[in-house]
Every structure is written in C-alpha cells, then in structure tokens.
PDB file of N, CA and C in Angstrom:
ATOM      1  N   MET A   1       7.270  11.671  17.730  1.00  0.00           N
ATOM      2  CA  MET A   1       5.861  11.161  18.448  1.00  0.00           C
ATOM      3  C   MET A   1       5.895   9.734  18.327  1.00  0.00           C
ATOM      4  N   ALA A   2       6.308   9.083  17.443  1.00  0.00           N
ATOM      5  CA  ALA A   2       6.118   7.714  17.226  1.00  0.00           C
ATOM      6  C   ALA A   2       7.141   7.134  18.231  1.00  0.00           C
ATOM      7  N   ARG A   3       8.331   7.703  18.119  1.00  0.00           N
ATOM      8  CA  ARG A   3       9.238   7.113  19.113  1.00  0.00           C
ATOM      9  C   ARG A   3       8.903   7.067  20.506  1.00  0.00           C
ATOM     10  N   CYS A   4       8.344   8.057  20.921  1.00  0.00           N
ATOM     11  CA  CYS A   4       7.795   8.248  22.355  1.00  0.00           C
ATOM     12  C   CYS A   4       6.770   7.008  22.517  1.00  0.00           C
ATOM     13  N   ALA A   5       5.671   7.036  21.648  1.00  0.00           N
ATOM     14  CA  ALA A   5       4.599   5.735  21.678  1.00  0.00           C
ATOM     15  C   ALA A   5       5.169   4.483  21.959  1.00  0.00           C
ATOM     16  N   PHE A   6       6.473   4.307  21.121  1.00  0.00           N
ATOM     17  CA  PHE A   6       6.875   2.967  21.118  1.00  0.00           C
ATOM     18  C   PHE A   6       7.574   2.696  22.464  1.00  0.00           C
ATOM     19  N   LEU A   7       8.458   3.613  23.018  1.00  0.00           N
ATOM     20  CA  LEU A   7       9.202   3.650  24.146  1.00  0.00           C
ATOM     21  C   LEU A   7       8.150   3.377  25.399  1.00  0.00           C
ATOM     22  N   TYR A   8       7.003   4.031  25.347  1.00  0.00           N
ATOM     23  CA  TYR A   8       6.112   3.918  26.320  1.00  0.00           C
ATOM     24  C   TYR A   8       5.309   2.570  26.108  1.00  0.00           C
ATOM     25  N   SER A   9       5.042   2.251  25.007  1.00  0.00           N
ATOM     26  CA  SER A   9       4.612   0.554  24.840  1.00  0.00           C
ATOM     27  C   SER A   9       5.436  -0.422  25.257  1.00  0.00           C
ATOM     28  N   ALA A  10       6.701  -0.128  25.051  1.00  0.00           N
ATOM     29  CA  ALA A  10       7.856  -1.385  25.373  1.00  0.00           C
ATOM     30  C   ALA A  10       7.912  -1.072  26.873  1.00  0.00           C
ATOM     31  N   LEU A  11       7.775  -0.022  27.620  1.00  0.00           N
ATOM     32  CA  LEU A  11       7.885   0.134  29.046  1.00  0.00           C
ATOM     33  C   LEU A  11       6.740  -0.533  29.861  1.00  0.00           C
ATOM     34  N   LEU A  12       5.610  -0.352  29.087  1.00  0.00           N
ATOM     35  CA  LEU A  12       4.433  -0.882  29.685  1.00  0.00           C
ATOM     36  C   LEU A  12       4.253  -2.369  29.637  1.00  0.00           C
ATOM     37  N   VAL A  13       4.795  -2.800  28.480  1.00  0.00           N
ATOM     38  CA  VAL A  13       4.831  -4.377  28.495  1.00  0.00           C
ATOM     39  C   VAL A  13       6.015  -4.954  29.190  1.00  0.00           C
ATOM     40  N   ALA A  14       7.124  -4.200  29.431  1.00  0.00           N
ATOM     41  CA  ALA A  14       8.231  -4.670  30.302  1.00  0.00           C
ATOM     42  C   ALA A  14       7.542  -4.635  32.000  1.00  0.00           C
ATOM     43  N   ILE A  15       7.036  -3.531  32.257  1.00  0.00           N
ATOM     44  CA  ILE A  15       6.237  -3.553  33.728  1.00  0.00           C
ATOM     45  C   ILE A  15       5.148  -4.787  33.954  1.00  0.00           C
ATOM     46  N   LEU A  16       4.449  -4.786  32.759  1.00  0.00           N
ATOM     47  CA  LEU A  16       3.588  -6.042  32.892  1.00  0.00           C
ATOM     48  C   LEU A  16       4.071  -7.452  32.932  1.00  0.00           C
ATOM     49  N   GLY A  17       5.191  -7.608  32.338  1.00  0.00           N
ATOM     50  CA  GLY A  17       5.880  -8.694  32.220  1.00  0.00           C
ATOM     51  C   GLY A  17       6.406  -9.060  33.573  1.00  0.00           C
ATOM     52  N   ILE A  18       7.224  -8.037  34.239  1.00  0.00           N
ATOM     53  CA  ILE A  18       7.699  -8.151  35.661  1.00  0.00           C
ATOM     54  C   ILE A  18       6.455  -8.506  36.410  1.00  0.00           C
ATOM     55  N   VAL A  19       5.665  -7.872  36.724  1.00  0.00           N
ATOM     56  CA  VAL A  19       4.444  -7.862  37.446  1.00  0.00           C
ATOM     57  C   VAL A  19       4.067  -9.324  37.200  1.00  0.00           C
ATOM     58  N   GLU A  20       3.584  -9.711  36.073  1.00  0.00           N
ATOM     59  CA  GLU A  20       3.133 -11.109  35.964  1.00  0.00           C
ATOM     60  C   GLU A  20       4.081 -12.069  36.450  1.00  0.00           C
ATOM     61  N   SER A  21       5.357 -11.800  36.112  1.00  0.00           N
ATOM     62  CA  SER A  21       6.104 -13.103  36.571  1.00  0.00           C
ATOM     63  C   SER A  21       6.453 -13.337  37.868  1.00  0.00           C
ATOM     64  N   GLN A  22       5.779 -12.201  39.157  1.00  0.00           N
ATOM     65  CA  GLN A  22       5.788 -12.560  40.425  1.00  0.00           C
ATOM     66  C   GLN A  22       4.561 -12.827  40.957  1.00  0.00           C
ATOM     67  N   ARG A  23       4.011 -13.730  40.242  1.00  0.00           N
ATOM     68  CA  ARG A  23       2.813 -14.170  40.771  1.00  0.00           C
ATOM     69  C   ARG A  23       3.121 -15.460  41.617  1.00  0.00           C
ATOM     70  N   PRO A  24       2.582 -15.642  42.861  1.00  0.00           N
ATOM     71  CA  PRO A  24       2.909 -16.566  43.786  1.00  0.00           C
ATOM     72  C   PRO A  24       2.546 -18.134  43.284  1.00  0.00           C
ATOM     73  N   ALA A  25       1.398 -18.248  42.713  1.00  0.00           N
ATOM     74  CA  ALA A  25       0.877 -19.598  42.449  1.00  0.00           C
ATOM     75  C   ALA A  25       0.219 -19.640  41.132  1.00  0.00           C
ATOM     76  N   MET A  26       0.119 -20.545  40.363  1.00  0.00           N
ATOM     77  CA  MET A  26      -0.416 -20.756  39.260  1.00  0.00           C
ATOM     78  C   MET A  26      -1.801 -20.528  39.396  1.00  0.00           C
ATOM     79  N   TRP A  27      -2.691 -20.222  38.282  1.00  0.00           N
ATOM     80  CA  TRP A  27      -4.070 -20.012  38.324  1.00  0.00           C
ATOM     81  C   TRP A  27      -4.542 -21.500  37.932  1.00  0.00           C
ATOM     82  N   LYS A  28      -6.043 -21.822  38.307  1.00  0.00           N
ATOM     83  CA  LYS A  28      -6.705 -22.955  38.017  1.00  0.00           C
ATOM     84  C   LYS A  28      -6.355 -23.554  36.820  1.00  0.00           C
ATOM     85  N   ILE A  29      -6.695 -22.560  35.740  1.00  0.00           N
ATOM     86  CA  ILE A  29      -6.758 -23.353  34.283  1.00  0.00           C
ATOM     87  C   ILE A  29      -5.274 -23.657  33.975  1.00  0.00           C
ATOM     88  N   GLU A  30      -4.033 -22.876  34.473  1.00  0.00           N
ATOM     89  CA  GLU A  30      -2.914 -23.131  34.293  1.00  0.00           C
ATOM     90  C   GLU A  30      -2.669 -24.587  34.705  1.00  0.00           C
ATOM     91  N   LYS A  31      -3.036 -24.967  36.068  1.00  0.00           N
ATOM     92  CA  LYS A  31      -2.929 -26.451  36.816  1.00  0.00           C
ATOM     93  C   LYS A  31      -3.429 -27.381  35.850  1.00  0.00           C
ATOM     94  N   ASP A  32      -4.879 -27.079  35.540  1.00  0.00           N
ATOM     95  CA  ASP A  32      -5.322 -28.118  34.668  1.00  0.00           C
ATOM     96  C   ASP A  32      -4.928 -28.338  33.358  1.00  0.00           C
ATOM     97  N   LEU A  33      -4.067 -27.290  32.715  1.00  0.00           N
ATOM     98  CA  LEU A  33      -3.408 -27.650  31.549  1.00  0.00           C
ATOM     99  C   LEU A  33      -2.268 -28.589  31.720  1.00  0.00           C
ATOM    100  N   ASN A  34      -1.427 -28.213  32.666  1.00  0.00           N
ATOM    101  CA  ASN A  34      -0.416 -29.000  33.147  1.00  0.00           C
ATOM    102  C   ASN A  34      -0.643 -30.334  33.448  1.00  0.00           C
ATOM    103  N   ASP A  35      -1.798 -30.500  34.194  1.00  0.00           N
ATOM    104  CA  ASP A  35      -2.516 -32.084  34.494  1.00  0.00           C
ATOM    105  C   ASP A  35      -3.064 -32.684  33.326  1.00  0.00           C
ATOM    106  N   GLY A  36      -3.552 -31.821  32.319  1.00  0.00           N
ATOM    107  CA  GLY A  36      -3.933 -32.767  31.150  1.00  0.00           C
ATOM    108  C   GLY A  36      -5.556 -32.645  31.510  1.00  0.00           C
ATOM    109  N   LYS A  37      -6.135 -32.056  32.451  1.00  0.00           N
ATOM    110  CA  LYS A  37      -7.420 -32.452  32.556  1.00  0.00           C
ATOM    111  C   LYS A  37      -8.218 -31.092  31.533  1.00  0.00           C
ATOM    112  N   ALA A  38      -7.690 -30.139  31.035  1.00  0.00           N
ATOM    113  CA  ALA A  38      -8.527 -29.167  30.149  1.00  0.00           C
ATOM    114  C   ALA A  38      -7.248 -29.343  29.018  1.00  0.00           C
ATOM    115  N   LYS A  39      -7.941 -29.007  27.964  1.00  0.00           N
ATOM    116  CA  LYS A  39      -7.389 -28.628  26.492  1.00  0.00           C
ATOM    117  C   LYS A  39      -7.353 -27.198  26.287  1.00  0.00           C
ATOM    118  N   LEU A  40      -6.422 -26.781  25.254  1.00  0.00           N
ATOM    119  CA  LEU A  40      -6.500 -25.410  24.669  1.00  0.00           C
ATOM    120  C   LEU A  40      -7.726 -25.485  23.904  1.00  0.00           C
ATOM    121  N   MET A  41      -8.206 -24.108  24.115  1.00  0.00           N
ATOM    122  CA  MET A  41      -9.425 -23.844  23.139  1.00  0.00           C
ATOM    123  C   MET A  41      -9.047 -23.318  21.826  1.00  0.00           C
ATOM    124  N   MET A  42      -7.866 -22.813  21.819  1.00  0.00           N
ATOM    125  CA  MET A  42      -7.364 -22.105  20.553  1.00  0.00           C
ATOM    126  C   MET A  42      -6.079 -22.686  20.390  1.00  0.00           C
ATOM    127  N   THR A  43      -5.870 -23.358  19.258  1.00  0.00           N
ATOM    128  CA  THR A  43      -4.553 -24.050  18.794  1.00  0.00           C
ATOM    129  C   THR A  43      -3.860 -23.191  18.250  1.00  0.00           C
ATOM    130  N   PRO A  44      -2.550 -23.444  17.890  1.00  0.00           N
ATOM    131  CA  PRO A  44      -1.741 -22.448  17.142  1.00  0.00           C
ATOM    132  C   PRO A  44      -2.260 -22.326  15.848  1.00  0.00           C
ATOM    133  N   ASN A  45      -2.679 -23.296  15.094  1.00  0.00           N
ATOM    134  CA  ASN A  45      -3.237 -23.197  13.696  1.00  0.00           C
ATOM    135  C   ASN A  45      -4.588 -21.932  13.557  1.00  0.00           C
ATOM    136  N   VAL A  46      -5.217 -22.095  14.756  1.00  0.00           N
ATOM    137  CA  VAL A  46      -6.506 -21.598  14.733  1.00  0.00           C
ATOM    138  C   VAL A  46      -6.203 -19.942  14.994  1.00  0.00           C
ATOM    139  N   LEU A  47      -5.099 -19.946  15.594  1.00  0.00           N
ATOM    140  CA  LEU A  47      -4.810 -18.457  16.226  1.00  0.00           C
ATOM    141  C   LEU A  47      -4.063 -17.827  14.973  1.00  0.00           C
ATOM    142  N   SER A  48      -3.129 -18.742  14.244  1.00  0.00           N
ATOM    143  CA  SER A  48      -2.507 -18.078  12.776  1.00  0.00           C
ATOM    144  C   SER A  48      -3.735 -17.618  12.000  1.00  0.00           C
ATOM    145  N   GLY A  49      -4.765 -18.569  11.719  1.00  0.00           N
ATOM    146  CA  GLY A  49      -5.979 -18.202  11.013  1.00  0.00           C
ATOM    147  C   GLY A  49      -6.535 -16.830  11.204  1.00  0.00           C
ATOM    148  N   VAL A  50      -6.886 -16.820  12.617  1.00  0.00           N
ATOM    149  CA  VAL A  50      -7.514 -15.438  13.263  1.00  0.00           C
ATOM    150  C   VAL A  50      -6.677 -14.316  12.790  1.00  0.00           C
ATOM    151  N   LEU A  51      -5.415 -14.471  13.081  1.00  0.00           N
ATOM    152  CA  LEU A  51      -4.511 -13.531  13.002  1.00  0.00           C
ATOM    153  C   LEU A  51      -4.392 -12.863  11.425  1.00  0.00           C
ATOM    154  N   PHE A  52      -4.143 -13.935  10.604  1.00  0.00           N
ATOM    155  CA  PHE A  52      -4.155 -13.672   9.241  1.00  0.00           C
ATOM    156  C   PHE A  52      -5.358 -13.005   8.603  1.00  0.00           C
ATOM    157  N   MET A  53      -6.530 -13.280   8.924  1.00  0.00           N
ATOM    158  CA  MET A  53      -7.885 -12.861   8.739  1.00  0.00           C
ATOM    159  C   MET A  53      -7.896 -11.544   8.998  1.00  0.00           C
ATOM    160  N   THR A  54      -7.586 -11.143  10.473  1.00  0.00           N
ATOM    161  CA  THR A  54      -7.695  -9.880  10.986  1.00  0.00           C
ATOM    162  C   THR A  54      -6.741  -9.006   9.954  1.00  0.00           C
ATOM    163  N   LEU A  55      -5.532  -9.407   9.945  1.00  0.00           N
ATOM    164  CA  LEU A  55      -4.768  -8.650   8.795  1.00  0.00           C
ATOM    165  C   LEU A  55      -5.334  -8.055   7.781  1.00  0.00           C
ATOM    166  N   PHE A  56      -5.753  -9.531   6.966  1.00  0.00           N
ATOM    167  CA  PHE A  56      -6.405  -9.434   5.688  1.00  0.00           C
ATOM    168  C   PHE A  56      -7.634  -8.190   5.635  1.00  0.00           C
ATOM    169  N   LEU A  57      -8.629  -8.585   6.550  1.00  0.00           N
ATOM    170  CA  LEU A  57      -9.897  -7.408   6.806  1.00  0.00           C
ATOM    171  C   LEU A  57      -9.143  -6.192   6.877  1.00  0.00           C
ATOM    172  N   LEU A  58      -8.195  -5.913   7.679  1.00  0.00           N
ATOM    173  CA  LEU A  58      -7.590  -4.589   8.020  1.00  0.00           C
ATOM    174  C   LEU A  58      -7.273  -3.953   6.824  1.00  0.00           C
ATOM    175  N   ILE A  59      -6.501  -4.724   5.889  1.00  0.00           N
ATOM    176  CA  ILE A  59      -5.813  -4.315   4.659  1.00  0.00           C
ATOM    177  C   ILE A  59      -6.964  -4.012   3.713  1.00  0.00           C
ATOM    178  N   GLY A  60      -8.068  -4.734   3.636  1.00  0.00           N
ATOM    179  CA  GLY A  60      -8.956  -4.764   2.445  1.00  0.00           C
ATOM    180  C   GLY A  60      -9.682  -3.527   2.836  1.00  0.00           C
ATOM    181  N   LEU A  61     -10.320  -3.268   4.326  1.00  0.00           N
ATOM    182  CA  LEU A  61     -11.268  -2.089   4.498  1.00  0.00           C
ATOM    183  C   LEU A  61     -10.532  -1.171   4.479  1.00  0.00           C
ATOM    184  N   SER A  62      -9.269  -0.925   4.895  1.00  0.00           N
ATOM    185  CA  SER A  62      -8.461   0.554   4.574  1.00  0.00           C
ATOM    186  C   SER A  62      -8.366   0.833   3.047  1.00  0.00           C
ATOM    187  N   GLY A  63      -8.326  -0.187   2.164  1.00  0.00           N
ATOM    188  CA  GLY A  63      -8.047  -0.082   0.755  1.00  0.00           C
ATOM    189  C   GLY A  63      -9.374   0.306   0.390  1.00  0.00           C
ATOM    190  N   LEU A  64     -10.568  -0.263   0.744  1.00  0.00           N
ATOM    191  CA  LEU A  64     -11.829  -0.049   0.334  1.00  0.00           C
ATOM    192  C   LEU A  64     -12.253   1.437   0.665  1.00  0.00           C
ATOM    193  N   THR A  65     -11.650   1.886   1.671  1.00  0.00           N
ATOM    194  CA  THR A  65     -12.109   3.292   2.214  1.00  0.00           C
ATOM    195  C   THR A  65     -11.197   4.458   1.506  1.00  0.00           C
ATOM    196  N   CYS A  66     -10.168   3.851   1.020  1.00  0.00           N
ATOM    197  CA  CYS A  66      -9.496   4.890   0.231  1.00  0.00           C
ATOM    198  C   CYS A  66      -9.895   5.117  -0.951  1.00  0.00           C
ATOM    199  N   LEU A  67     -10.250   3.739  -1.740  1.00  0.00           N
ATOM    200  CA  LEU A  67     -10.950   4.067  -2.937  1.00  0.00           C
ATOM    201  C   LEU A  67     -12.319   4.611  -2.876  1.00  0.00           C
ATOM    202  N   LEU A  68     -12.884   4.402  -1.921  1.00  0.00           N
ATOM    203  CA  LEU A  68     -14.358   5.337  -1.845  1.00  0.00           C
ATOM    204  C   LEU A  68     -14.227   6.684  -1.778  1.00  0.00           C
ATOM    205  N   GLY A  69     -13.042   7.045  -0.970  1.00  0.00           N
ATOM    206  CA  GLY A  69     -12.866   8.379  -0.643  1.00  0.00           C
ATOM    207  C   GLY A  69     -12.421   9.103  -1.837  1.00  0.00           C
ATOM    208  N   VAL A  70     -11.954   8.420  -2.969  1.00  0.00           N
ATOM    209  CA  VAL A  70     -11.420   9.348  -4.127  1.00  0.00           C
ATOM    210  C   VAL A  70     -12.665  10.183  -4.609  1.00  0.00           C
ATOM    211  N   GLN A  71     -12.435  11.449  -4.758  1.00  0.00           N
ATOM    212  CA  GLN A  71     -13.578  12.460  -5.708  1.00  0.00           C
ATOM    213  C   GLN A  71     -12.965  12.926  -6.776  1.00  0.00           C
ATOM    214  N   THR A  72     -13.494  13.089  -7.647  1.00  0.00           N
ATOM    215  CA  THR A  72     -12.949  13.633  -8.949  1.00  0.00           C
ATOM    216  C   THR A  72     -14.077  14.960  -8.925  1.00  0.00           C
ATOM    217  N   PRO A  73     -13.298  15.834  -9.834  1.00  0.00           N
ATOM    218  CA  PRO A  73     -14.236  16.980  -9.814  1.00  0.00           C
ATOM    219  C   PRO A  73     -15.157  16.857 -11.249  1.00  0.00           C
ATOM    220  N   PHE A  74     -16.211  17.610 -11.014  1.00  0.00           N
ATOM    221  CA  PHE A  74     -17.247  17.528 -12.073  1.00  0.00           C
ATOM    222  C   PHE A  74     -16.750  18.202 -13.265  1.00  0.00           C
ATOM    223  N   SER A  75     -16.048  19.020 -13.264  1.00  0.00           N
ATOM    224  CA  SER A  75     -15.595  19.803 -14.643  1.00  0.00           C
ATOM    225  C   SER A  75     -14.062  20.156 -14.288  1.00  0.00           C
ATOM    226  N   PHE A  76     -13.184  19.707 -15.447  1.00  0.00           N
ATOM    227  CA  PHE A  76     -11.701  20.070 -15.447  1.00  0.00           C
ATOM    228  C   PHE A  76     -11.521  21.580 -15.798  1.00  0.00           C
ATOM    229  N   GLY A  77     -10.863  22.403 -15.169  1.00  0.00           N
ATOM    230  CA  GLY A  77     -10.671  23.566 -15.638  1.00  0.00           C
ATOM    231  C   GLY A  77     -11.304  24.507 -14.417  1.00  0.00           C
ATOM    232  N   ASP A  78     -11.021  25.944 -14.780  1.00  0.00           N
ATOM    233  CA  ASP A  78     -11.881  26.903 -13.880  1.00  0.00           C
ATOM    234  C   ASP A  78     -12.538  27.824 -14.767  1.00  0.00           C
ATOM    235  N   GLU A  79     -13.106  28.646 -14.353  1.00  0.00           N
ATOM    236  CA  GLU A  79     -13.868  29.957 -15.066  1.00  0.00           C
ATOM    237  C   GLU A  79     -12.843  30.574 -16.114  1.00  0.00           C
ATOM    238  N   LYS A  80     -11.705  30.970 -15.685  1.00  0.00           N
ATOM    239  CA  LYS A  80     -10.964  31.615 -16.652  1.00  0.00           C
ATOM    240  C   LYS A  80     -10.335  30.805 -17.707  1.00  0.00           C
ATOM    241  N   ASN A  81      -9.998  29.558 -17.314  1.00  0.00           N
ATOM    242  CA  ASN A  81      -9.564  28.931 -18.221  1.00  0.00           C
ATOM    243  C   ASN A  81     -10.294  27.456 -18.625  1.00  0.00           C
ATOM    244  N   PRO A  82     -11.623  27.352 -19.073  1.00  0.00           N
ATOM    245  CA  PRO A  82     -12.349  26.157 -19.147  1.00  0.00           C
ATOM    246  C   PRO A  82     -11.709  25.216 -20.165  1.00  0.00           C
ATOM    247  N   ILE A  83     -11.652  24.119 -19.904  1.00  0.00           N
ATOM    248  CA  ILE A  83     -11.061  23.160 -20.660  1.00  0.00           C
ATOM    249  C   ILE A  83     -12.258  22.660 -21.644  1.00  0.00           C
ATOM    250  N   LYS A  84     -12.007  22.733 -22.955  1.00  0.00           N
ATOM    251  CA  LYS A  84     -13.204  22.662 -24.088  1.00  0.00           C
ATOM    252  C   LYS A  84     -12.972  21.249 -24.681  1.00  0.00           C
ATOM    253  N   PRO A  85     -14.079  20.528 -24.950  1.00  0.00           N
ATOM    254  CA  PRO A  85     -13.849  19.172 -25.528  1.00  0.00           C
ATOM    255  C   PRO A  85     -13.377  19.369 -26.972  1.00  0.00           C
ATOM    256  N   LEU A  86     -12.595  18.236 -27.164  1.00  0.00           N
ATOM    257  CA  LEU A  86     -12.026  18.425 -28.723  1.00  0.00           C
ATOM    258  C   LEU A  86     -13.196  18.378 -29.900  1.00  0.00           C
ATOM    259  N   ASN A  87     -12.920  19.053 -30.860  1.00  0.00           N
ATOM    260  CA  ASN A  87     -13.597  18.974 -31.755  1.00  0.00           C
ATOM    261  C   ASN A  87     -13.178  17.962 -32.887  1.00  0.00           C
ATOM    262  N   MET A  88     -14.415  17.199 -33.146  1.00  0.00           N
ATOM    263  CA  MET A  88     -14.345  16.229 -34.051  1.00  0.00           C
ATOM    264  C   MET A  88     -14.620  16.525 -35.457  1.00  0.00           C
ATOM    265  N   ASN A  89     -13.832  16.735 -36.318  1.00  0.00           N
ATOM    266  CA  ASN A  89     -14.168  17.055 -37.820  1.00  0.00           C
ATOM    267  C   ASN A  89     -14.127  15.737 -38.622  1.00  0.00           C
ATOM    268  N   LYS A  90     -14.884  15.577 -39.478  1.00  0.00           N
ATOM    269  CA  LYS A  90     -14.880  14.567 -40.467  1.00  0.00           C
ATOM    270  C   LYS A  90     -13.810  14.705 -41.463  1.00  0.00           C
ATOM    271  N   GLN A  91     -13.061  13.535 -41.558  1.00  0.00           N
ATOM    272  CA  GLN A  91     -12.024  13.535 -42.552  1.00  0.00           C
ATOM    273  C   GLN A  91     -12.665  12.822 -43.866  1.00  0.00           C
ATOM    274  N   TYR A  92     -12.737  13.197 -45.044  1.00  0.00           N
ATOM    275  CA  TYR A  92     -13.246  12.656 -46.254  1.00  0.00           C
ATOM    276  C   TYR A  92     -11.993  12.300 -46.933  1.00  0.00           C
TER     277      TYR A  92
END
C-alpha cells in the first residue's frame, strides 16, 4: 500500500514538473526577482527555521498524544486471581 502511494506521489510530482516547465513566459514576480525590483520574502535561513520548527512540533505533539493516551488499569489482576498487597510484618 505504501509502495503504491509513493509511486503515485512520484508520478504526480513528475507530471507537475513537466507541466510547469512548459510555461511560455515568466510570471511577473519572477521577472521582478531577476531584475532586482523585488526581494525574496523568505530567505533560506528563515525557511530552514520554519521547517525545523514544524518538524519539532510534529514530533513533540505526537509524543505528547502518545503519553497522554497511556491508560493503566485501576487494579492489577482479575476476579479469579486478585493480586494482594504485600504483608508488612514488623521484624524485631
């Protein structure tokens, strides 16, 4: 199942790349970036920070939900074999 999803994703990316590369002209923002009239709104450093923070939040939230989902039983054992607490005897 995962192999099919990976293949479909790769095929979609390839098709989008082919379609995007056949544009006849540049967009206005691309011309402005080449001419120096506009600047990038997101630098590589900012983008790497955003990606790192997204990854950190994803891992943190999944870990937190796993920790909060742990459920312990109210008592260990069952009706036939209850687990009794240890007897504490005084040793003189």
